[in-house]
Amino acid sequence: MYRNAAVTLGVEHAKITVAAPIPVTGESALAGIYYSLEANGAKVPQANKDLAQEELKALSDINAENKDKVRVTMPISSMRL
C-alpha cells in the first residue's frame, strides 16, 4: 500500500518499512514519509499528498472489506508504467 502512495508522491527509489503494535490505517506513517521527504529538501505538492492519502485509504478499505480473503497490496502500482 505504501509503495502506491510513495509513487504518487514522486518517490522512485526508497525502502519503506511501516510497523505498529496495533492495527492501524497508516495515515500517520504516510505523514511521516511526507515529513522525511520535505525535511530532506524535496517539494511534495499538496495535490500529490491528497492523492496518496486517497490511494492508501482505498486500499485499506478494500483490505478491511476482504479481511478473510487475499490482501490487496499493489494493484495500482502494478498498473503504472
PDB file of N, CA and C in Angstrom:
ATOM      1  N   MET A   1       0.824  -1.193   0.000  1.00  0.00           N
ATOM      2  CA  MET A   1       0.000   0.000   0.000  1.00  0.00           C
ATOM      3  C   MET A   1       0.866   1.253   0.000  1.00  0.00           C
ATOM      4  N   TYR A   2       1.939   1.225   0.750  1.00  0.00           N
ATOM      5  CA  TYR A   2       2.790   2.413   0.834  1.00  0.00           C
ATOM      6  C   TYR A   2       3.570   2.636  -0.447  1.00  0.00           C
ATOM      7  N   ARG A   3       3.827   1.576  -1.174  1.00  0.00           N
ATOM      8  CA  ARG A   3       4.515   1.722  -2.460  1.00  0.00           C
ATOM      9  C   ARG A   3       3.674   2.579  -3.397  1.00  0.00           C
ATOM     10  N   ASN A   4       2.376   2.300  -3.457  1.00  0.00           N
ATOM     11  CA  ASN A   4       1.478   3.096  -4.294  1.00  0.00           C
ATOM     12  C   ASN A   4       1.539   4.562  -3.896  1.00  0.00           C
ATOM     13  N   ALA A   5       1.396   4.825  -2.619  1.00  0.00           N
ATOM     14  CA  ALA A   5       1.394   6.198  -2.127  1.00  0.00           C
ATOM     15  C   ALA A   5       2.732   6.874  -2.385  1.00  0.00           C
ATOM     16  N   ALA A   6       3.830   6.154  -2.198  1.00  0.00           N
ATOM     17  CA  ALA A   6       5.155   6.730  -2.425  1.00  0.00           C
ATOM     18  C   ALA A   6       5.344   7.097  -3.894  1.00  0.00           C
ATOM     19  N   VAL A   7       4.886   6.258  -4.796  1.00  0.00           N
ATOM     20  CA  VAL A   7       4.991   6.563  -6.225  1.00  0.00           C
ATOM     21  C   VAL A   7       4.186   7.823  -6.544  1.00  0.00           C
ATOM     22  N   THR A   8       3.018   7.950  -5.960  1.00  0.00           N
ATOM     23  CA  THR A   8       2.196   9.145  -6.154  1.00  0.00           C
ATOM     24  C   THR A   8       2.912  10.390  -5.651  1.00  0.00           C
ATOM     25  N   LEU A   9       3.666  10.252  -4.576  1.00  0.00           N
ATOM     26  CA  LEU A   9       4.424  11.383  -4.032  1.00  0.00           C
ATOM     27  C   LEU A   9       5.637  11.735  -4.879  1.00  0.00           C
ATOM     28  N   GLY A  10       6.008  10.847  -5.792  1.00  0.00           N
ATOM     29  CA  GLY A  10       7.166  11.096  -6.626  1.00  0.00           C
ATOM     30  C   GLY A  10       8.411  10.341  -6.189  1.00  0.00           C
ATOM     31  N   VAL A  11       8.265   9.449  -5.226  1.00  0.00           N
ATOM     32  CA  VAL A  11       9.391   8.657  -4.737  1.00  0.00           C
ATOM     33  C   VAL A  11       9.600   7.488  -5.691  1.00  0.00           C
ATOM     34  N   GLU A  12      10.809   7.369  -6.214  1.00  0.00           N
ATOM     35  CA  GLU A  12      11.092   6.281  -7.144  1.00  0.00           C
ATOM     36  C   GLU A  12      11.952   5.190  -6.532  1.00  0.00           C
ATOM     37  N   HIS A  13      12.886   5.549  -5.676  1.00  0.00           N
ATOM     38  CA  HIS A  13      13.809   4.575  -5.104  1.00  0.00           C
ATOM     39  C   HIS A  13      13.858   4.767  -3.595  1.00  0.00           C
ATOM     40  N   ALA A  14      13.120   3.953  -2.888  1.00  0.00           N
ATOM     41  CA  ALA A  14      13.109   4.064  -1.432  1.00  0.00           C
ATOM     42  C   ALA A  14      12.722   2.729  -0.822  1.00  0.00           C
ATOM     43  N   LYS A  15      13.230   2.486   0.342  1.00  0.00           N
ATOM     44  CA  LYS A  15      12.820   1.325   1.124  1.00  0.00           C
ATOM     45  C   LYS A  15      11.977   1.866   2.271  1.00  0.00           C
ATOM     46  N   ILE A  16      10.726   1.458   2.313  1.00  0.00           N
ATOM     47  CA  ILE A  16       9.803   1.960   3.324  1.00  0.00           C
ATOM     48  C   ILE A  16       9.380   0.794   4.198  1.00  0.00           C
ATOM     49  N   THR A  17       9.597   0.933   5.485  1.00  0.00           N
ATOM     50  CA  THR A  17       9.170  -0.067   6.451  1.00  0.00           C
ATOM     51  C   THR A  17       8.167   0.582   7.390  1.00  0.00           C
ATOM     52  N   VAL A  18       6.999  -0.019   7.519  1.00  0.00           N
ATOM     53  CA  VAL A  18       5.950   0.521   8.376  1.00  0.00           C
ATOM     54  C   VAL A  18       5.567  -0.563   9.371  1.00  0.00           C
ATOM     55  N   ALA A  19       5.544  -0.202  10.647  1.00  0.00           N
ATOM     56  CA  ALA A  19       5.186  -1.173  11.683  1.00  0.00           C
ATOM     57  C   ALA A  19       4.385  -0.475  12.773  1.00  0.00           C
ATOM     58  N   ALA A  20       3.496  -1.223  13.400  1.00  0.00           N
ATOM     59  CA  ALA A  20       2.702  -0.694  14.507  1.00  0.00           C
ATOM     60  C   ALA A  20       2.337  -1.852  15.429  1.00  0.00           C
ATOM     61  N   PRO A  21       2.257  -1.592  16.731  1.00  0.00           N
ATOM     62  CA  PRO A  21       1.928  -2.662  17.677  1.00  0.00           C
ATOM     63  C   PRO A  21       0.446  -3.032  17.677  1.00  0.00           C
ATOM     64  N   ILE A  22      -0.367  -2.199  17.033  1.00  0.00           N
ATOM     65  CA  ILE A  22      -1.808  -2.452  16.952  1.00  0.00           C
ATOM     66  C   ILE A  22      -2.259  -2.207  15.515  1.00  0.00           C
ATOM     67  N   PRO A  23      -3.406  -2.736  15.103  1.00  0.00           N
ATOM     68  CA  PRO A  23      -3.889  -2.474  13.744  1.00  0.00           C
ATOM     69  C   PRO A  23      -4.127  -0.978  13.527  1.00  0.00           C
ATOM     70  N   VAL A  24      -3.609  -0.450  12.434  1.00  0.00           N
ATOM     71  CA  VAL A  24      -3.767   0.969  12.100  1.00  0.00           C
ATOM     72  C   VAL A  24      -4.051   1.102  10.611  1.00  0.00           C
ATOM     73  N   THR A  25      -4.516   2.275  10.206  1.00  0.00           N
ATOM     74  CA  THR A  25      -4.805   2.506   8.795  1.00  0.00           C
ATOM     75  C   THR A  25      -3.604   3.047   8.047  1.00  0.00           C
ATOM     76  N   GLY A  26      -2.691   3.707   8.716  1.00  0.00           N
ATOM     77  CA  GLY A  26      -1.454   4.122   8.084  1.00  0.00           C
ATOM     78  C   GLY A  26      -1.314   5.572   7.710  1.00  0.00           C
ATOM     79  N   GLU A  27      -2.320   6.393   7.980  1.00  0.00           N
ATOM     80  CA  GLU A  27      -2.218   7.800   7.621  1.00  0.00           C
ATOM     81  C   GLU A  27      -1.034   8.483   8.299  1.00  0.00           C
ATOM     82  N   SER A  28      -0.773   8.155   9.546  1.00  0.00           N
ATOM     83  CA  SER A  28       0.349   8.801  10.235  1.00  0.00           C
ATOM     84  C   SER A  28       1.691   8.338   9.667  1.00  0.00           C
ATOM     85  N   ALA A  29       1.770   7.096   9.229  1.00  0.00           N
ATOM     86  CA  ALA A  29       3.007   6.625   8.594  1.00  0.00           C
ATOM     87  C   ALA A  29       3.242   7.374   7.290  1.00  0.00           C
ATOM     88  N   LEU A  30       2.188   7.602   6.541  1.00  0.00           N
ATOM     89  CA  LEU A  30       2.313   8.348   5.293  1.00  0.00           C
ATOM     90  C   LEU A  30       2.721   9.790   5.577  1.00  0.00           C
ATOM     91  N   ALA A  31       2.179  10.373   6.629  1.00  0.00           N
ATOM     92  CA  ALA A  31       2.587  11.727   7.019  1.00  0.00           C
ATOM     93  C   ALA A  31       4.067  11.756   7.368  1.00  0.00           C
ATOM     94  N   GLY A  32       4.561  10.706   7.979  1.00  0.00           N
ATOM     95  CA  GLY A  32       5.989  10.610   8.283  1.00  0.00           C
ATOM     96  C   GLY A  32       6.836  10.578   7.027  1.00  0.00           C
ATOM     97  N   ILE A  33       6.329   9.941   5.981  1.00  0.00           N
ATOM     98  CA  ILE A  33       7.037   9.914   4.712  1.00  0.00           C
ATOM     99  C   ILE A  33       7.091  11.323   4.119  1.00  0.00           C
ATOM    100  N   TYR A  34       5.958  12.065   4.175  1.00  0.00           N
ATOM    101  CA  TYR A  34       5.959  13.452   3.684  1.00  0.00           C
ATOM    102  C   TYR A  34       7.011  14.263   4.434  1.00  0.00           C
ATOM    103  N   TYR A  35       6.960  14.148   5.758  1.00  0.00           N
ATOM    104  CA  TYR A  35       7.861  14.932   6.602  1.00  0.00           C
ATOM    105  C   TYR A  35       9.315  14.627   6.259  1.00  0.00           C
ATOM    106  N   SER A  36       9.639  13.373   6.117  1.00  0.00           N
ATOM    107  CA  SER A  36      11.003  12.974   5.803  1.00  0.00           C
ATOM    108  C   SER A  36      11.445  13.524   4.450  1.00  0.00           C
ATOM    109  N   LEU A  37      10.585  13.425   3.461  1.00  0.00           N
ATOM    110  CA  LEU A  37      10.911  13.944   2.138  1.00  0.00           C
ATOM    111  C   LEU A  37      11.173  15.452   2.194  1.00  0.00           C
ATOM    112  N   GLU A  38      10.259  16.169   2.837  1.00  0.00           N
ATOM    113  CA  GLU A  38      10.388  17.618   2.892  1.00  0.00           C
ATOM    114  C   GLU A  38      11.556  18.062   3.763  1.00  0.00           C
ATOM    115  N   ALA A  39      11.839  17.316   4.811  1.00  0.00           N
ATOM    116  CA  ALA A  39      12.980  17.641   5.669  1.00  0.00           C
ATOM    117  C   ALA A  39      14.306  17.465   4.940  1.00  0.00           C
ATOM    118  N   ASN A  40      14.272  16.664   3.877  1.00  0.00           N
ATOM    119  CA  ASN A  40      15.479  16.430   3.086  1.00  0.00           C
ATOM    120  C   ASN A  40      15.479  17.215   1.776  1.00  0.00           C
ATOM    121  N   GLY A  41      14.637  18.251   1.703  1.00  0.00           N
ATOM    122  CA  GLY A  41      14.666  19.162   0.573  1.00  0.00           C
ATOM    123  C   GLY A  41      13.714  18.885  -0.566  1.00  0.00           C
ATOM    124  N   ALA A  42      12.958  17.809  -0.500  1.00  0.00           N
ATOM    125  CA  ALA A  42      12.006  17.501  -1.585  1.00  0.00           C
ATOM    126  C   ALA A  42      10.778  18.397  -1.463  1.00  0.00           C
ATOM    127  N   LYS A  43      10.252  18.790  -2.592  1.00  0.00           N
ATOM    128  CA  LYS A  43       8.997  19.549  -2.620  1.00  0.00           C
ATOM    129  C   LYS A  43       7.888  18.562  -2.984  1.00  0.00           C
ATOM    130  N   VAL A  44       6.928  18.413  -2.090  1.00  0.00           N
ATOM    131  CA  VAL A  44       5.823  17.484  -2.317  1.00  0.00           C
ATOM    132  C   VAL A  44       4.544  18.306  -2.460  1.00  0.00           C
ATOM    133  N   PRO A  45       4.007  18.406  -3.670  1.00  0.00           N
ATOM    134  CA  PRO A  45       2.785  19.191  -3.876  1.00  0.00           C
ATOM    135  C   PRO A  45       1.616  18.646  -3.046  1.00  0.00           C
ATOM    136  N   GLN A  46       0.789  19.545  -2.554  1.00  0.00           N
ATOM    137  CA  GLN A  46      -0.365  19.141  -1.747  1.00  0.00           C
ATOM    138  C   GLN A  46      -1.278  18.200  -2.518  1.00  0.00           C
ATOM    139  N   ALA A  47      -1.423  18.417  -3.812  1.00  0.00           N
ATOM    140  CA  ALA A  47      -2.274  17.531  -4.621  1.00  0.00           C
ATOM    141  C   ALA A  47      -1.752  16.096  -4.581  1.00  0.00           C
ATOM    142  N   ASN A  48      -0.429  15.922  -4.600  1.00  0.00           N
ATOM    143  CA  ASN A  48       0.152  14.577  -4.527  1.00  0.00           C
ATOM    144  C   ASN A  48      -0.097  13.965  -3.154  1.00  0.00           C
ATOM    145  N   LYS A  49       0.017  14.770  -2.107  1.00  0.00           N
ATOM    146  CA  LYS A  49      -0.252  14.277  -0.748  1.00  0.00           C
ATOM    147  C   LYS A  49      -1.701  13.809  -0.640  1.00  0.00           C
ATOM    148  N   ASP A  50      -2.611  14.627  -1.153  1.00  0.00           N
ATOM    149  CA  ASP A  50      -4.040  14.272  -1.083  1.00  0.00           C
ATOM    150  C   ASP A  50      -4.331  12.979  -1.843  1.00  0.00           C
ATOM    151  N   LEU A  51      -3.767  12.852  -3.042  1.00  0.00           N
ATOM    152  CA  LEU A  51      -3.993  11.649  -3.834  1.00  0.00           C
ATOM    153  C   LEU A  51      -3.374  10.422  -3.158  1.00  0.00           C
ATOM    154  N   ALA A  52      -2.187  10.579  -2.584  1.00  0.00           N
ATOM    155  CA  ALA A  52      -1.550   9.467  -1.878  1.00  0.00           C
ATOM    156  C   ALA A  52      -2.420   9.014  -0.704  1.00  0.00           C
ATOM    157  N   GLN A  53      -2.998   9.972   0.022  1.00  0.00           N
ATOM    158  CA  GLN A  53      -3.902   9.631   1.133  1.00  0.00           C
ATOM    159  C   GLN A  53      -5.118   8.870   0.623  1.00  0.00           C
ATOM    160  N   GLU A  54      -5.684   9.322  -0.502  1.00  0.00           N
ATOM    161  CA  GLU A  54      -6.852   8.655  -1.077  1.00  0.00           C
ATOM    162  C   GLU A  54      -6.514   7.225  -1.487  1.00  0.00           C
ATOM    163  N   GLU A  55      -5.340   7.037  -2.106  1.00  0.00           N
ATOM    164  CA  GLU A  55      -4.916   5.687  -2.508  1.00  0.00           C
ATOM    165  C   GLU A  55      -4.772   4.778  -1.291  1.00  0.00           C
ATOM    166  N   LEU A  56      -4.107   5.290  -0.260  1.00  0.00           N
ATOM    167  CA  LEU A  56      -3.897   4.492   0.944  1.00  0.00           C
ATOM    168  C   LEU A  56      -5.233   4.122   1.582  1.00  0.00           C
ATOM    169  N   LYS A  57      -6.151   5.071   1.657  1.00  0.00           N
ATOM    170  CA  LYS A  57      -7.463   4.795   2.249  1.00  0.00           C
ATOM    171  C   LYS A  57      -8.236   3.779   1.415  1.00  0.00           C
ATOM    172  N   ALA A  58      -8.195   3.926   0.091  1.00  0.00           N
ATOM    173  CA  ALA A  58      -8.920   2.990  -0.773  1.00  0.00           C
ATOM    174  C   ALA A  58      -8.413   1.565  -0.581  1.00  0.00           C
ATOM    175  N   LEU A  59      -7.096   1.380  -0.569  1.00  0.00           N
ATOM    176  CA  LEU A  59      -6.541   0.034  -0.381  1.00  0.00           C
ATOM    177  C   LEU A  59      -6.812  -0.490   1.022  1.00  0.00           C
ATOM    178  N   SER A  60      -6.757   0.391   2.004  1.00  0.00           N
ATOM    179  CA  SER A  60      -7.068  -0.014   3.375  1.00  0.00           C
ATOM    180  C   SER A  60      -8.519  -0.477   3.484  1.00  0.00           C
ATOM    181  N   ASP A  61      -9.430   0.269   2.848  1.00  0.00           N
ATOM    182  CA  ASP A  61     -10.851  -0.102   2.856  1.00  0.00           C
ATOM    183  C   ASP A  61     -11.084  -1.437   2.150  1.00  0.00           C
ATOM    184  N   ILE A  62     -10.414  -1.631   1.008  1.00  0.00           N
ATOM    185  CA  ILE A  62     -10.547  -2.900   0.286  1.00  0.00           C
ATOM    186  C   ILE A  62     -10.061  -4.053   1.155  1.00  0.00           C
ATOM    187  N   ASN A  63      -8.914  -3.867   1.820  1.00  0.00           N
ATOM    188  CA  ASN A  63      -8.404  -4.920   2.693  1.00  0.00           C
ATOM    189  C   ASN A  63      -9.352  -5.195   3.857  1.00  0.00           C
ATOM    190  N   ALA A  64      -9.930  -4.149   4.435  1.00  0.00           N
ATOM    191  CA  ALA A  64     -10.859  -4.329   5.552  1.00  0.00           C
ATOM    192  C   ALA A  64     -12.106  -5.090   5.108  1.00  0.00           C
ATOM    193  N   GLU A  65     -12.608  -4.766   3.925  1.00  0.00           N
ATOM    194  CA  GLU A  65     -13.801  -5.439   3.401  1.00  0.00           C
ATOM    195  C   GLU A  65     -13.542  -6.899   3.051  1.00  0.00           C
ATOM    196  N   ASN A  66     -12.300  -7.231   2.800  1.00  0.00           N
ATOM    197  CA  ASN A  66     -11.937  -8.582   2.365  1.00  0.00           C
ATOM    198  C   ASN A  66     -10.948  -9.227   3.335  1.00  0.00           C
ATOM    199  N   LYS A  67     -11.098  -8.940   4.615  1.00  0.00           N
ATOM    200  CA  LYS A  67     -10.094  -9.372   5.588  1.00  0.00           C
ATOM    201  C   LYS A  67      -9.913 -10.883   5.653  1.00  0.00           C
ATOM    202  N   ASP A  68     -10.904 -11.647   5.231  1.00  0.00           N
ATOM    203  CA  ASP A  68     -10.776 -13.098   5.245  1.00  0.00           C
ATOM    204  C   ASP A  68     -10.325 -13.663   3.904  1.00  0.00           C
ATOM    205  N   LYS A  69      -9.997 -12.763   2.975  1.00  0.00           N
ATOM    206  CA  LYS A  69      -9.580 -13.166   1.642  1.00  0.00           C
ATOM    207  C   LYS A  69      -8.155 -12.678   1.399  1.00  0.00           C
ATOM    208  N   VAL A  70      -7.703 -12.734   0.176  1.00  0.00           N
ATOM    209  CA  VAL A  70      -6.363 -12.282  -0.193  1.00  0.00           C
ATOM    210  C   VAL A  70      -6.269 -10.773  -0.017  1.00  0.00           C
ATOM    211  N   ARG A  71      -5.163 -10.309   0.573  1.00  0.00           N
ATOM    212  CA  ARG A  71      -4.958  -8.877   0.785  1.00  0.00           C
ATOM    213  C   ARG A  71      -4.503  -8.209  -0.505  1.00  0.00           C
ATOM    214  N   VAL A  72      -5.025  -7.029  -0.761  1.00  0.00           N
ATOM    215  CA  VAL A  72      -4.635  -6.231  -1.921  1.00  0.00           C
ATOM    216  C   VAL A  72      -3.522  -5.292  -1.484  1.00  0.00           C
ATOM    217  N   THR A  73      -2.365  -5.388  -2.134  1.00  0.00           N
ATOM    218  CA  THR A  73      -1.257  -4.528  -1.741  1.00  0.00           C
ATOM    219  C   THR A  73      -0.665  -3.731  -2.882  1.00  0.00           C
ATOM    220  N   MET A  74      -0.785  -4.198  -4.126  1.00  0.00           N
ATOM    221  CA  MET A  74      -0.120  -3.482  -5.195  1.00  0.00           C
ATOM    222  C   MET A  74      -0.931  -3.360  -6.489  1.00  0.00           C
ATOM    223  N   PRO A  75      -2.240  -3.284  -6.461  1.00  0.00           N
ATOM    224  CA  PRO A  75      -2.943  -3.236  -7.737  1.00  0.00           C
ATOM    225  C   PRO A  75      -2.697  -1.943  -8.512  1.00  0.00           C
ATOM    226  N   ILE A  76      -2.588  -0.832  -7.828  1.00  0.00           N
ATOM    227  CA  ILE A  76      -2.413   0.446  -8.514  1.00  0.00           C
ATOM    228  C   ILE A  76      -0.994   0.557  -9.044  1.00  0.00           C
ATOM    229  N   SER A  77      -0.019   0.260  -8.217  1.00  0.00           N
ATOM    230  CA  SER A  77       1.367   0.406  -8.659  1.00  0.00           C
ATOM    231  C   SER A  77       1.714  -0.582  -9.770  1.00  0.00           C
ATOM    232  N   SER A  78       1.092  -1.725  -9.785  1.00  0.00           N
ATOM    233  CA  SER A  78       1.401  -2.685 -10.840  1.00  0.00           C
ATOM    234  C   SER A  78       0.818  -2.250 -12.186  1.00  0.00           C
ATOM    235  N   MET A  79      -0.141  -1.335 -12.171  1.00  0.00           N
ATOM    236  CA  MET A  79      -0.710  -0.840 -13.411  1.00  0.00           C
ATOM    237  C   MET A  79       0.040   0.364 -13.963  1.00  0.00           C
ATOM    238  N   ARG A  80       0.866   0.986 -13.155  1.00  0.00           N
ATOM    239  CA  ARG A  80       1.606   2.161 -13.604  1.00  0.00           C
ATOM    240  C   ARG A  80       2.728   1.766 -14.546  1.00  0.00           C
ATOM    241  N   LEU A  81       2.963   2.589 -15.511  1.00  0.00           N
ATOM    242  CA  LEU A  81       4.020   2.311 -16.474  1.00  0.00           C
ATOM    243  C   LEU A  81       5.178   3.253 -16.263  1.00  0.00           C
TER     244      LEU A  81
END
